[in-house]
Amino acid sequence: MIPSTGSRRTPADRHDDRRQELAESALLTLGELGYARTSLRDIAGNSPFSHGVLHYYFADKLELVLYSITHYKKVCARRYDGVVASATTEAELLDGFAEKLVETISTEAPMHRLWYDLRVQSMFDARLRETVLVIDGWLRDMCWRVVTRYSELADREVALDPDSTYAVLDGVFQAALLGHVTGDEQALPRLVGQVHGLLPMTLSPLPRTV
């Protein structure tokens, strides 16, 4: 049987697949060592790929780092959409959102450390800024989707703007991440309590206007 043309992988598809594979491998090393301390040779040494292969698919470390963090954060930015879509009560949304936050810190702390490392570095390295700002926008929109759905379930107006909402939620997430990686056993339970306390505070006491 001759395969349909729609199922065939083009050279461009295979090239993109390999770049994603390399990016996912690179994230493991970058998340452990940080942006400034990691070289392409470090990444190659901690992966099944040679230094030459990395250089074939990426011009330099910067291109690899930006591709890797973009690939990862694009997934992160949609991580809570299932919670938003399935929650039918305020409590369900609060519980589901808090559970997902704890899960991602527990299982992917190195990836989040890398993100905050790059965001700080972008204040000094202009080459990082465009990508960081794009990702920040994705994460802001993600937080806004959560809060606006919560406001619908609570039948109340959102009292904050999207940027302020993101700043509040990102702040408690980053603090929980720092506590977790430094051995604070209460960091994640505290995050759950903060989510339950802060989301109601993002809303106006007045009912939503129709």
N, C-alpha and C. Protein backbone atom coordinates (compact mmCIF):
# COMPACT_ATOMS: atom_id res chain seq x y z
N MET A 1 0.85 -1.20 0.00
CA MET A 1 0.00 0.00 0.00
C MET A 1 0.88 1.25 0.00
N ILE A 2 0.56 2.20 -0.86
CA ILE A 2 1.33 3.43 -0.93
C ILE A 2 0.81 4.40 0.12
N PRO A 3 1.68 4.91 1.02
CA PRO A 3 1.21 5.82 2.06
C PRO A 3 0.70 7.11 1.45
N SER A 4 -0.29 7.68 2.09
CA SER A 4 -0.84 8.95 1.60
C SER A 4 0.19 10.04 1.79
N THR A 5 0.15 11.03 0.91
CA THR A 5 1.12 12.12 0.99
C THR A 5 0.96 12.91 2.27
N GLY A 6 -0.27 12.90 2.83
CA GLY A 6 -0.49 13.67 4.07
C GLY A 6 0.24 13.11 5.26
N SER A 7 0.64 11.79 5.21
CA SER A 7 1.29 11.16 6.35
C SER A 7 2.81 11.18 6.24
N ARG A 8 3.34 11.65 5.13
CA ARG A 8 4.79 11.64 4.93
C ARG A 8 5.45 12.77 5.70
N ARG A 9 6.61 12.47 6.29
CA ARG A 9 7.39 13.47 7.00
C ARG A 9 8.37 14.09 6.02
N THR A 10 8.34 15.39 5.88
CA THR A 10 9.26 16.08 4.99
C THR A 10 10.60 16.28 5.70
N PRO A 11 11.65 16.60 4.94
CA PRO A 11 12.93 16.92 5.58
C PRO A 11 12.81 18.06 6.60
N ALA A 12 11.96 19.04 6.29
CA ALA A 12 11.77 20.15 7.22
C ALA A 12 11.12 19.66 8.52
N ASP A 13 10.16 18.74 8.40
CA ASP A 13 9.52 18.17 9.59
C ASP A 13 10.54 17.43 10.45
N ARG A 14 11.37 16.62 9.80
CA ARG A 14 12.37 15.86 10.54
C ARG A 14 13.40 16.78 11.18
N HIS A 15 13.73 17.86 10.50
CA HIS A 15 14.66 18.84 11.05
C HIS A 15 14.05 19.48 12.31
N ASP A 16 12.79 19.85 12.25
CA ASP A 16 12.12 20.45 13.41
C ASP A 16 12.01 19.46 14.56
N ASP A 17 11.72 18.20 14.23
CA ASP A 17 11.64 17.17 15.27
C ASP A 17 12.96 17.03 16.00
N ARG A 18 14.06 17.02 15.25
CA ARG A 18 15.37 16.88 15.88
C ARG A 18 15.71 18.10 16.73
N ARG A 19 15.36 19.30 16.26
CA ARG A 19 15.59 20.50 17.07
C ARG A 19 14.82 20.43 18.39
N GLN A 20 13.59 19.94 18.35
CA GLN A 20 12.83 19.81 19.58
C GLN A 20 13.44 18.78 20.50
N GLU A 21 13.92 17.68 19.92
CA GLU A 21 14.58 16.64 20.72
C GLU A 21 15.83 17.19 21.39
N LEU A 22 16.61 17.94 20.66
CA LEU A 22 17.81 18.56 21.22
C LEU A 22 17.44 19.58 22.30
N ALA A 23 16.39 20.34 22.06
CA ALA A 23 15.97 21.36 23.03
C ALA A 23 15.55 20.72 24.35
N GLU A 24 14.79 19.65 24.27
CA GLU A 24 14.34 18.98 25.48
C GLU A 24 15.52 18.39 26.26
N SER A 25 16.49 17.88 25.54
CA SER A 25 17.69 17.36 26.19
C SER A 25 18.50 18.50 26.84
N ALA A 26 18.62 19.61 26.13
CA ALA A 26 19.38 20.75 26.65
C ALA A 26 18.77 21.33 27.91
N LEU A 27 17.45 21.31 28.01
CA LEU A 27 16.78 21.89 29.17
C LEU A 27 17.21 21.23 30.48
N LEU A 28 17.51 19.96 30.43
CA LEU A 28 17.91 19.24 31.64
C LEU A 28 19.20 19.82 32.20
N THR A 29 20.18 20.07 31.32
CA THR A 29 21.45 20.63 31.77
C THR A 29 21.31 22.10 32.13
N LEU A 30 20.61 22.86 31.31
CA LEU A 30 20.41 24.28 31.57
C LEU A 30 19.69 24.50 32.89
N GLY A 31 18.71 23.65 33.18
CA GLY A 31 17.97 23.79 34.42
C GLY A 31 18.81 23.49 35.65
N GLU A 32 19.81 22.65 35.51
CA GLU A 32 20.67 22.33 36.63
C GLU A 32 21.78 23.35 36.83
N LEU A 33 22.39 23.82 35.74
CA LEU A 33 23.56 24.70 35.84
C LEU A 33 23.23 26.19 35.69
N GLY A 34 22.10 26.51 35.04
CA GLY A 34 21.79 27.91 34.77
C GLY A 34 22.36 28.37 33.44
N TYR A 35 21.86 29.49 32.99
CA TYR A 35 22.23 30.00 31.66
C TYR A 35 23.71 30.33 31.54
N ALA A 36 24.23 31.13 32.47
CA ALA A 36 25.60 31.63 32.34
C ALA A 36 26.64 30.53 32.49
N ARG A 37 26.35 29.52 33.30
CA ARG A 37 27.34 28.49 33.62
C ARG A 37 27.32 27.32 32.64
N THR A 38 26.40 27.31 31.69
CA THR A 38 26.26 26.17 30.78
C THR A 38 26.83 26.49 29.41
N SER A 39 27.64 25.60 28.88
CA SER A 39 28.18 25.72 27.52
C SER A 39 27.56 24.63 26.65
N LEU A 40 27.74 24.77 25.34
CA LEU A 40 27.28 23.71 24.45
C LEU A 40 27.96 22.39 24.75
N ARG A 41 29.23 22.45 25.16
CA ARG A 41 29.94 21.21 25.51
C ARG A 41 29.33 20.56 26.75
N ASP A 42 28.90 21.38 27.72
CA ASP A 42 28.21 20.82 28.89
C ASP A 42 26.94 20.11 28.47
N ILE A 43 26.17 20.75 27.59
CA ILE A 43 24.91 20.17 27.12
C ILE A 43 25.18 18.86 26.38
N ALA A 44 26.18 18.88 25.49
CA ALA A 44 26.53 17.68 24.75
C ALA A 44 26.99 16.56 25.69
N GLY A 45 27.76 16.94 26.72
CA GLY A 45 28.29 15.95 27.66
C GLY A 45 27.22 15.28 28.50
N ASN A 46 26.07 15.93 28.64
CA ASN A 46 24.98 15.38 29.45
C ASN A 46 23.81 14.92 28.59
N SER A 47 24.09 14.66 27.32
CA SER A 47 23.02 14.22 26.41
C SER A 47 23.58 13.18 25.45
N PRO A 48 22.71 12.51 24.70
CA PRO A 48 23.19 11.53 23.73
C PRO A 48 23.73 12.16 22.46
N PHE A 49 23.76 13.48 22.38
CA PHE A 49 24.13 14.17 21.15
C PHE A 49 25.53 14.78 21.27
N SER A 50 26.24 14.76 20.18
CA SER A 50 27.59 15.29 20.18
C SER A 50 27.57 16.82 20.06
N HIS A 51 28.70 17.42 20.37
CA HIS A 51 28.85 18.87 20.23
C HIS A 51 28.63 19.28 18.78
N GLY A 52 29.11 18.45 17.85
CA GLY A 52 28.94 18.76 16.43
C GLY A 52 27.49 18.74 15.99
N VAL A 53 26.71 17.81 16.54
CA VAL A 53 25.28 17.74 16.20
C VAL A 53 24.56 19.00 16.70
N LEU A 54 24.87 19.42 17.92
CA LEU A 54 24.26 20.64 18.45
C LEU A 54 24.56 21.83 17.56
N HIS A 55 25.81 21.92 17.12
CA HIS A 55 26.21 23.04 16.27
C HIS A 55 25.57 22.95 14.88
N TYR A 56 25.25 21.76 14.44
CA TYR A 56 24.59 21.62 13.14
C TYR A 56 23.18 22.20 13.17
N TYR A 57 22.49 21.99 14.28
CA TYR A 57 21.09 22.42 14.37
C TYR A 57 20.92 23.80 15.00
N PHE A 58 21.92 24.27 15.73
CA PHE A 58 21.83 25.59 16.37
C PHE A 58 23.17 26.32 16.19
N ALA A 59 23.08 27.58 15.84
CA ALA A 59 24.29 28.35 15.56
C ALA A 59 25.18 28.50 16.79
N ASP A 60 24.54 28.68 17.96
CA ASP A 60 25.31 28.88 19.19
C ASP A 60 24.43 28.58 20.39
N LYS A 61 25.00 28.74 21.58
CA LYS A 61 24.26 28.46 22.80
C LYS A 61 23.03 29.34 22.92
N LEU A 62 23.14 30.59 22.55
CA LEU A 62 22.02 31.51 22.69
C LEU A 62 20.81 31.02 21.89
N GLU A 63 21.04 30.63 20.64
CA GLU A 63 19.93 30.16 19.82
C GLU A 63 19.29 28.92 20.43
N LEU A 64 20.10 28.01 20.93
CA LEU A 64 19.59 26.79 21.55
C LEU A 64 18.78 27.11 22.81
N VAL A 65 19.31 28.01 23.64
CA VAL A 65 18.62 28.38 24.88
C VAL A 65 17.27 29.01 24.58
N LEU A 66 17.25 29.96 23.67
CA LEU A 66 16.00 30.65 23.35
C LEU A 66 14.97 29.69 22.75
N TYR A 67 15.43 28.81 21.89
CA TYR A 67 14.52 27.81 21.30
C TYR A 67 13.99 26.88 22.39
N SER A 68 14.87 26.44 23.28
CA SER A 68 14.49 25.48 24.32
C SER A 68 13.47 26.06 25.28
N ILE A 69 13.73 27.27 25.78
CA ILE A 69 12.82 27.85 26.77
C ILE A 69 11.49 28.23 26.12
N THR A 70 11.52 28.64 24.86
CA THR A 70 10.27 28.93 24.16
C THR A 70 9.45 27.66 23.97
N HIS A 71 10.11 26.59 23.58
CA HIS A 71 9.44 25.30 23.39
C HIS A 71 8.80 24.85 24.70
N TYR A 72 9.50 24.99 25.81
CA TYR A 72 8.98 24.55 27.11
C TYR A 72 7.84 25.45 27.59
N LYS A 73 8.04 26.76 27.54
CA LYS A 73 7.05 27.68 28.10
C LYS A 73 5.78 27.74 27.26
N LYS A 74 5.87 27.40 25.99
CA LYS A 74 4.66 27.34 25.17
C LYS A 74 3.71 26.28 25.72
N VAL A 75 4.28 25.19 26.21
CA VAL A 75 3.47 24.14 26.84
C VAL A 75 2.96 24.62 28.19
N CYS A 76 3.83 25.25 28.98
CA CYS A 76 3.44 25.73 30.31
C CYS A 76 2.26 26.69 30.23
N ALA A 77 2.26 27.54 29.23
CA ALA A 77 1.24 28.58 29.12
C ALA A 77 -0.15 28.01 28.89
N ARG A 78 -0.24 26.75 28.48
CA ARG A 78 -1.55 26.12 28.26
C ARG A 78 -1.85 25.06 29.32
N ARG A 79 -0.99 24.94 30.31
CA ARG A 79 -1.09 23.85 31.28
C ARG A 79 -2.38 23.91 32.11
N TYR A 80 -2.89 25.09 32.34
CA TYR A 80 -4.04 25.24 33.23
C TYR A 80 -5.35 25.35 32.48
N ASP A 81 -5.31 25.23 31.18
CA ASP A 81 -6.54 25.37 30.38
C ASP A 81 -7.55 24.29 30.71
N GLY A 82 -7.09 23.10 31.02
CA GLY A 82 -8.00 22.02 31.38
C GLY A 82 -8.75 22.32 32.66
N VAL A 83 -8.03 22.90 33.62
CA VAL A 83 -8.66 23.28 34.89
C VAL A 83 -9.72 24.35 34.64
N VAL A 84 -9.36 25.34 33.82
CA VAL A 84 -10.29 26.42 33.50
C VAL A 84 -11.54 25.88 32.81
N ALA A 85 -11.35 24.95 31.89
CA ALA A 85 -12.47 24.43 31.10
C ALA A 85 -13.38 23.51 31.91
N SER A 86 -12.80 22.77 32.86
CA SER A 86 -13.60 21.75 33.56
C SER A 86 -14.21 22.24 34.86
N ALA A 87 -13.68 23.30 35.45
CA ALA A 87 -14.20 23.76 36.74
C ALA A 87 -15.62 24.28 36.61
N THR A 88 -16.49 23.82 37.48
CA THR A 88 -17.88 24.28 37.48
C THR A 88 -18.23 25.08 38.72
N THR A 89 -17.30 25.12 39.68
CA THR A 89 -17.50 25.90 40.89
C THR A 89 -16.21 26.64 41.22
N GLU A 90 -16.33 27.64 42.08
CA GLU A 90 -15.14 28.37 42.53
C GLU A 90 -14.15 27.43 43.22
N ALA A 91 -14.66 26.55 44.06
CA ALA A 91 -13.79 25.63 44.80
C ALA A 91 -13.04 24.70 43.86
N GLU A 92 -13.72 24.20 42.82
CA GLU A 92 -13.04 23.32 41.87
C GLU A 92 -11.90 24.05 41.17
N LEU A 93 -12.11 25.29 40.80
CA LEU A 93 -11.06 26.02 40.11
C LEU A 93 -9.88 26.29 41.05
N LEU A 94 -10.18 26.71 42.28
CA LEU A 94 -9.11 26.97 43.24
C LEU A 94 -8.30 25.70 43.51
N ASP A 95 -8.99 24.61 43.75
CA ASP A 95 -8.30 23.35 44.04
C ASP A 95 -7.48 22.87 42.84
N GLY A 96 -8.08 22.94 41.66
CA GLY A 96 -7.38 22.46 40.47
C GLY A 96 -6.18 23.31 40.12
N PHE A 97 -6.32 24.61 40.22
CA PHE A 97 -5.21 25.52 39.90
C PHE A 97 -4.07 25.33 40.89
N ALA A 98 -4.39 25.27 42.19
CA ALA A 98 -3.35 25.08 43.19
C ALA A 98 -2.65 23.74 43.01
N GLU A 99 -3.42 22.69 42.69
CA GLU A 99 -2.83 21.37 42.49
C GLU A 99 -1.85 21.37 41.33
N LYS A 100 -2.21 22.03 40.23
CA LYS A 100 -1.33 22.09 39.07
C LYS A 100 -0.06 22.88 39.37
N LEU A 101 -0.18 23.96 40.12
CA LEU A 101 1.00 24.75 40.48
C LEU A 101 1.97 23.92 41.30
N VAL A 102 1.44 23.21 42.28
CA VAL A 102 2.29 22.36 43.12
C VAL A 102 2.93 21.25 42.28
N GLU A 103 2.16 20.66 41.40
CA GLU A 103 2.68 19.57 40.56
C GLU A 103 3.84 20.04 39.70
N THR A 104 3.71 21.22 39.07
CA THR A 104 4.76 21.66 38.16
C THR A 104 6.03 22.05 38.92
N ILE A 105 5.90 22.59 40.12
CA ILE A 105 7.09 22.88 40.91
C ILE A 105 7.75 21.57 41.36
N SER A 106 6.94 20.62 41.78
CA SER A 106 7.47 19.34 42.27
C SER A 106 8.22 18.58 41.19
N THR A 107 7.72 18.62 39.96
CA THR A 107 8.29 17.77 38.90
C THR A 107 9.21 18.52 37.94
N GLU A 108 9.11 19.85 37.89
CA GLU A 108 9.86 20.59 36.87
C GLU A 108 10.56 21.82 37.43
N ALA A 109 10.99 21.73 38.68
CA ALA A 109 11.65 22.88 39.31
C ALA A 109 12.85 23.40 38.51
N PRO A 110 13.72 22.53 37.97
CA PRO A 110 14.87 23.05 37.21
C PRO A 110 14.47 23.90 36.01
N MET A 111 13.36 23.52 35.35
CA MET A 111 12.91 24.29 34.19
C MET A 111 12.44 25.68 34.61
N HIS A 112 11.77 25.76 35.75
CA HIS A 112 11.30 27.06 36.24
C HIS A 112 12.47 27.92 36.73
N ARG A 113 13.45 27.27 37.33
CA ARG A 113 14.66 28.03 37.74
C ARG A 113 15.33 28.65 36.53
N LEU A 114 15.40 27.89 35.44
CA LEU A 114 16.02 28.41 34.22
C LEU A 114 15.23 29.62 33.70
N TRP A 115 13.91 29.54 33.73
CA TRP A 115 13.10 30.65 33.25
C TRP A 115 13.38 31.92 34.05
N TYR A 116 13.39 31.82 35.36
CA TYR A 116 13.63 33.02 36.17
C TYR A 116 15.07 33.52 36.00
N ASP A 117 15.99 32.59 35.79
CA ASP A 117 17.38 32.98 35.50
C ASP A 117 17.43 33.81 34.22
N LEU A 118 16.78 33.32 33.17
CA LEU A 118 16.80 34.04 31.89
C LEU A 118 16.08 35.38 31.99
N ARG A 119 15.02 35.44 32.77
CA ARG A 119 14.29 36.70 32.88
C ARG A 119 15.15 37.77 33.56
N VAL A 120 15.90 37.37 34.57
CA VAL A 120 16.83 38.32 35.20
C VAL A 120 17.96 38.68 34.24
N GLN A 121 18.52 37.69 33.56
CA GLN A 121 19.62 37.95 32.64
C GLN A 121 19.20 38.89 31.51
N SER A 122 17.92 38.87 31.14
CA SER A 122 17.45 39.72 30.05
C SER A 122 17.56 41.21 30.39
N MET A 123 17.66 41.52 31.68
CA MET A 123 17.86 42.92 32.08
C MET A 123 19.26 43.40 31.70
N PHE A 124 20.18 42.47 31.51
CA PHE A 124 21.56 42.80 31.17
C PHE A 124 21.92 42.43 29.74
N ASP A 125 21.26 41.42 29.21
CA ASP A 125 21.58 40.91 27.86
C ASP A 125 20.39 41.18 26.95
N ALA A 126 20.53 42.17 26.08
CA ALA A 126 19.43 42.58 25.22
C ALA A 126 19.00 41.48 24.26
N ARG A 127 19.87 40.53 23.99
CA ARG A 127 19.55 39.46 23.04
C ARG A 127 18.45 38.54 23.58
N LEU A 128 18.26 38.54 24.89
CA LEU A 128 17.25 37.68 25.50
C LEU A 128 15.88 38.35 25.61
N ARG A 129 15.84 39.66 25.47
CA ARG A 129 14.65 40.40 25.88
C ARG A 129 13.41 40.09 25.05
N GLU A 130 13.54 40.04 23.75
CA GLU A 130 12.35 39.82 22.92
C GLU A 130 11.67 38.51 23.29
N THR A 131 12.45 37.43 23.42
CA THR A 131 11.88 36.14 23.77
C THR A 131 11.28 36.16 25.16
N VAL A 132 11.96 36.77 26.11
CA VAL A 132 11.45 36.85 27.49
C VAL A 132 10.13 37.61 27.53
N LEU A 133 10.04 38.70 26.81
CA LEU A 133 8.81 39.48 26.81
C LEU A 133 7.65 38.72 26.18
N VAL A 134 7.93 37.96 25.13
CA VAL A 134 6.89 37.14 24.50
C VAL A 134 6.38 36.09 25.49
N ILE A 135 7.30 35.40 26.14
CA ILE A 135 6.91 34.36 27.10
C ILE A 135 6.16 34.97 28.28
N ASP A 136 6.63 36.12 28.76
CA ASP A 136 5.92 36.81 29.84
C ASP A 136 4.47 37.09 29.44
N GLY A 137 4.28 37.47 28.19
CA GLY A 137 2.93 37.72 27.70
C GLY A 137 2.07 36.47 27.72
N TRP A 138 2.65 35.33 27.32
CA TRP A 138 1.91 34.07 27.37
C TRP A 138 1.48 33.74 28.80
N LEU A 139 2.41 33.90 29.73
CA LEU A 139 2.12 33.56 31.12
C LEU A 139 1.11 34.53 31.74
N ARG A 140 1.21 35.79 31.37
CA ARG A 140 0.23 36.78 31.85
C ARG A 140 -1.16 36.40 31.35
N ASP A 141 -1.26 36.04 30.07
CA ASP A 141 -2.56 35.66 29.51
C ASP A 141 -3.10 34.41 30.18
N MET A 142 -2.21 33.48 30.52
CA MET A 142 -2.64 32.26 31.20
C MET A 142 -3.24 32.59 32.56
N CYS A 143 -2.56 33.45 33.33
CA CYS A 143 -3.09 33.85 34.64
C CYS A 143 -4.43 34.57 34.49
N TRP A 144 -4.54 35.37 33.45
CA TRP A 144 -5.78 36.12 33.23
C TRP A 144 -6.94 35.18 32.88
N ARG A 145 -6.65 34.11 32.13
CA ARG A 145 -7.71 33.14 31.82
C ARG A 145 -8.21 32.47 33.10
N VAL A 146 -7.30 32.16 34.00
CA VAL A 146 -7.69 31.53 35.27
C VAL A 146 -8.56 32.48 36.09
N VAL A 147 -8.11 33.73 36.23
CA VAL A 147 -8.82 34.67 37.09
C VAL A 147 -10.16 35.08 36.50
N THR A 148 -10.22 35.27 35.19
CA THR A 148 -11.51 35.65 34.60
C THR A 148 -12.52 34.51 34.69
N ARG A 149 -12.06 33.27 34.56
CA ARG A 149 -12.98 32.14 34.76
C ARG A 149 -13.43 32.09 36.21
N TYR A 150 -12.51 32.35 37.13
CA TYR A 150 -12.89 32.37 38.55
C TYR A 150 -13.93 33.46 38.81
N SER A 151 -13.77 34.60 38.17
CA SER A 151 -14.74 35.69 38.36
C SER A 151 -16.12 35.29 37.82
N GLU A 152 -16.14 34.56 36.72
CA GLU A 152 -17.42 34.09 36.17
C GLU A 152 -18.11 33.14 37.14
N LEU A 153 -17.34 32.22 37.71
CA LEU A 153 -17.92 31.26 38.65
C LEU A 153 -18.39 31.93 39.93
N ALA A 154 -17.66 33.00 40.33
CA ALA A 154 -18.03 33.72 41.55
C ALA A 154 -19.08 34.80 41.30
N ASP A 155 -19.37 35.06 40.01
CA ASP A 155 -20.31 36.11 39.60
C ASP A 155 -19.89 37.47 40.18
N ARG A 156 -18.60 37.76 40.04
CA ARG A 156 -18.05 39.03 40.50
C ARG A 156 -17.07 39.56 39.47
N GLU A 157 -16.89 40.86 39.45
CA GLU A 157 -15.95 41.50 38.53
C GLU A 157 -14.51 41.29 38.99
N VAL A 158 -13.59 41.23 38.05
CA VAL A 158 -12.16 41.21 38.39
C VAL A 158 -11.74 42.62 38.78
N ALA A 159 -11.08 42.74 39.91
CA ALA A 159 -10.70 44.07 40.42
C ALA A 159 -9.34 44.53 39.89
N LEU A 160 -8.53 43.60 39.39
CA LEU A 160 -7.19 43.92 38.93
C LEU A 160 -7.12 43.85 37.41
N ASP A 161 -6.10 44.48 36.85
CA ASP A 161 -5.84 44.36 35.42
C ASP A 161 -4.94 43.14 35.17
N PRO A 162 -4.79 42.70 33.92
CA PRO A 162 -4.00 41.50 33.64
C PRO A 162 -2.56 41.57 34.15
N ASP A 163 -1.90 42.72 34.00
CA ASP A 163 -0.51 42.83 34.44
C ASP A 163 -0.38 42.69 35.96
N SER A 164 -1.29 43.32 36.70
CA SER A 164 -1.26 43.23 38.15
C SER A 164 -1.57 41.81 38.62
N THR A 165 -2.53 41.18 37.97
CA THR A 165 -2.88 39.80 38.30
C THR A 165 -1.68 38.88 38.12
N TYR A 166 -1.00 39.04 37.00
CA TYR A 166 0.18 38.22 36.72
C TYR A 166 1.28 38.47 37.75
N ALA A 167 1.49 39.73 38.10
CA ALA A 167 2.54 40.07 39.06
C ALA A 167 2.28 39.39 40.41
N VAL A 168 1.04 39.39 40.84
CA VAL A 168 0.69 38.78 42.13
C VAL A 168 0.90 37.27 42.09
N LEU A 169 0.35 36.61 41.09
CA LEU A 169 0.44 35.16 41.03
C LEU A 169 1.86 34.68 40.75
N ASP A 170 2.56 35.40 39.88
CA ASP A 170 3.94 35.02 39.58
C ASP A 170 4.82 35.21 40.82
N GLY A 171 4.53 36.23 41.60
CA GLY A 171 5.32 36.47 42.80
C GLY A 171 5.23 35.34 43.80
N VAL A 172 4.02 34.85 44.06
CA VAL A 172 3.88 33.77 45.04
C VAL A 172 4.42 32.46 44.46
N PHE A 173 4.31 32.28 43.13
CA PHE A 173 4.86 31.07 42.51
C PHE A 173 6.38 31.07 42.63
N GLN A 174 7.01 32.19 42.34
CA GLN A 174 8.47 32.26 42.41
C GLN A 174 8.96 32.05 43.84
N ALA A 175 8.24 32.62 44.81
CA ALA A 175 8.62 32.43 46.21
C ALA A 175 8.49 30.96 46.62
N ALA A 176 7.43 30.30 46.15
CA ALA A 176 7.25 28.88 46.46
C ALA A 176 8.35 28.04 45.82
N LEU A 177 8.72 28.39 44.59
CA LEU A 177 9.80 27.68 43.91
C LEU A 177 11.11 27.82 44.68
N LEU A 178 11.42 29.03 45.11
CA LEU A 178 12.65 29.25 45.87
C LEU A 178 12.62 28.46 47.17
N GLY A 179 11.48 28.48 47.85
CA GLY A 179 11.37 27.71 49.08
C GLY A 179 11.55 26.22 48.84
N HIS A 180 10.96 25.73 47.77
CA HIS A 180 11.05 24.31 47.45
C HIS A 180 12.48 23.88 47.16
N VAL A 181 13.20 24.64 46.35
CA VAL A 181 14.56 24.23 45.97
C VAL A 181 15.55 24.43 47.10
N THR A 182 15.20 25.22 48.10
CA THR A 182 16.08 25.40 49.26
C THR A 182 15.67 24.55 50.45
N GLY A 183 14.72 23.63 50.23
CA GLY A 183 14.40 22.65 51.26
C GLY A 183 13.31 23.02 52.24
N ASP A 184 12.56 24.06 51.96
CA ASP A 184 11.46 24.45 52.84
C ASP A 184 10.27 23.52 52.58
N GLU A 185 9.99 22.63 53.52
CA GLU A 185 8.92 21.64 53.32
C GLU A 185 7.53 22.26 53.34
N GLN A 186 7.42 23.47 53.84
CA GLN A 186 6.11 24.13 53.89
C GLN A 186 5.86 25.02 52.67
N ALA A 187 6.83 25.10 51.77
CA ALA A 187 6.69 26.03 50.63
C ALA A 187 5.49 25.69 49.76
N LEU A 188 5.31 24.42 49.45
CA LEU A 188 4.21 24.04 48.56
C LEU A 188 2.85 24.06 49.27
N PRO A 189 2.75 23.54 50.49
CA PRO A 189 1.47 23.72 51.21
C PRO A 189 1.11 25.20 51.40
N ARG A 190 2.12 26.03 51.62
CA ARG A 190 1.87 27.47 51.77
C ARG A 190 1.34 28.06 50.46
N LEU A 191 1.88 27.59 49.34
CA LEU A 191 1.41 28.06 48.04
C LEU A 191 -0.07 27.74 47.85
N VAL A 192 -0.48 26.55 48.25
CA VAL A 192 -1.90 26.18 48.13
C VAL A 192 -2.77 27.15 48.92
N GLY A 193 -2.35 27.45 50.15
CA GLY A 193 -3.11 28.39 50.96
C GLY A 193 -3.13 29.79 50.36
N GLN A 194 -2.00 30.19 49.76
CA GLN A 194 -1.95 31.51 49.14
C GLN A 194 -2.89 31.61 47.94
N VAL A 195 -2.95 30.56 47.13
CA VAL A 195 -3.86 30.56 45.98
C VAL A 195 -5.30 30.71 46.45
N HIS A 196 -5.65 29.96 47.48
CA HIS A 196 -7.02 30.03 48.00
C HIS A 196 -7.33 31.39 48.63
N GLY A 197 -6.29 32.05 49.15
CA GLY A 197 -6.52 33.35 49.76
C GLY A 197 -6.45 34.51 48.77
N LEU A 198 -5.58 34.39 47.76
CA LEU A 198 -5.33 35.50 46.85
C LEU A 198 -6.36 35.63 45.73
N LEU A 199 -6.80 34.50 45.18
CA LEU A 199 -7.74 34.62 44.06
C LEU A 199 -9.01 35.37 44.44
N PRO A 200 -9.60 35.11 45.60
CA PRO A 200 -10.77 35.92 45.97
C PRO A 200 -10.45 37.40 46.09
N MET A 201 -9.20 37.73 46.43
CA MET A 201 -8.82 39.12 46.58
C MET A 201 -8.63 39.83 45.24
N THR A 202 -8.55 39.07 44.16
CA THR A 202 -8.45 39.69 42.84
C THR A 202 -9.80 40.16 42.32
N LEU A 203 -10.88 39.83 43.05
CA LEU A 203 -12.23 40.16 42.59
C LEU A 203 -12.84 41.32 43.37
N SER A 204 -13.70 42.03 42.69
CA SER A 204 -14.48 43.09 43.33
C SER A 204 -15.56 42.45 44.21
N PRO A 205 -15.96 43.12 45.30
CA PRO A 205 -17.07 42.58 46.11
C PRO A 205 -18.41 42.69 45.41
N LEU A 206 -18.47 43.43 44.29
CA LEU A 206 -19.74 43.64 43.60
C LEU A 206 -19.99 42.54 42.58
N PRO A 207 -21.24 42.19 42.34
CA PRO A 207 -21.56 41.18 41.31
C PRO A 207 -21.15 41.68 39.93
N ARG A 208 -20.94 40.75 39.03
CA ARG A 208 -20.61 41.11 37.65
C ARG A 208 -21.80 41.81 37.02
N THR A 209 -21.50 42.82 36.19
CA THR A 209 -22.56 43.51 35.46
C THR A 209 -22.87 42.76 34.18
N VAL A 210 -24.11 42.72 33.83
CA VAL A 210 -24.53 41.99 32.62
C VAL A 210 -24.44 42.90 31.42
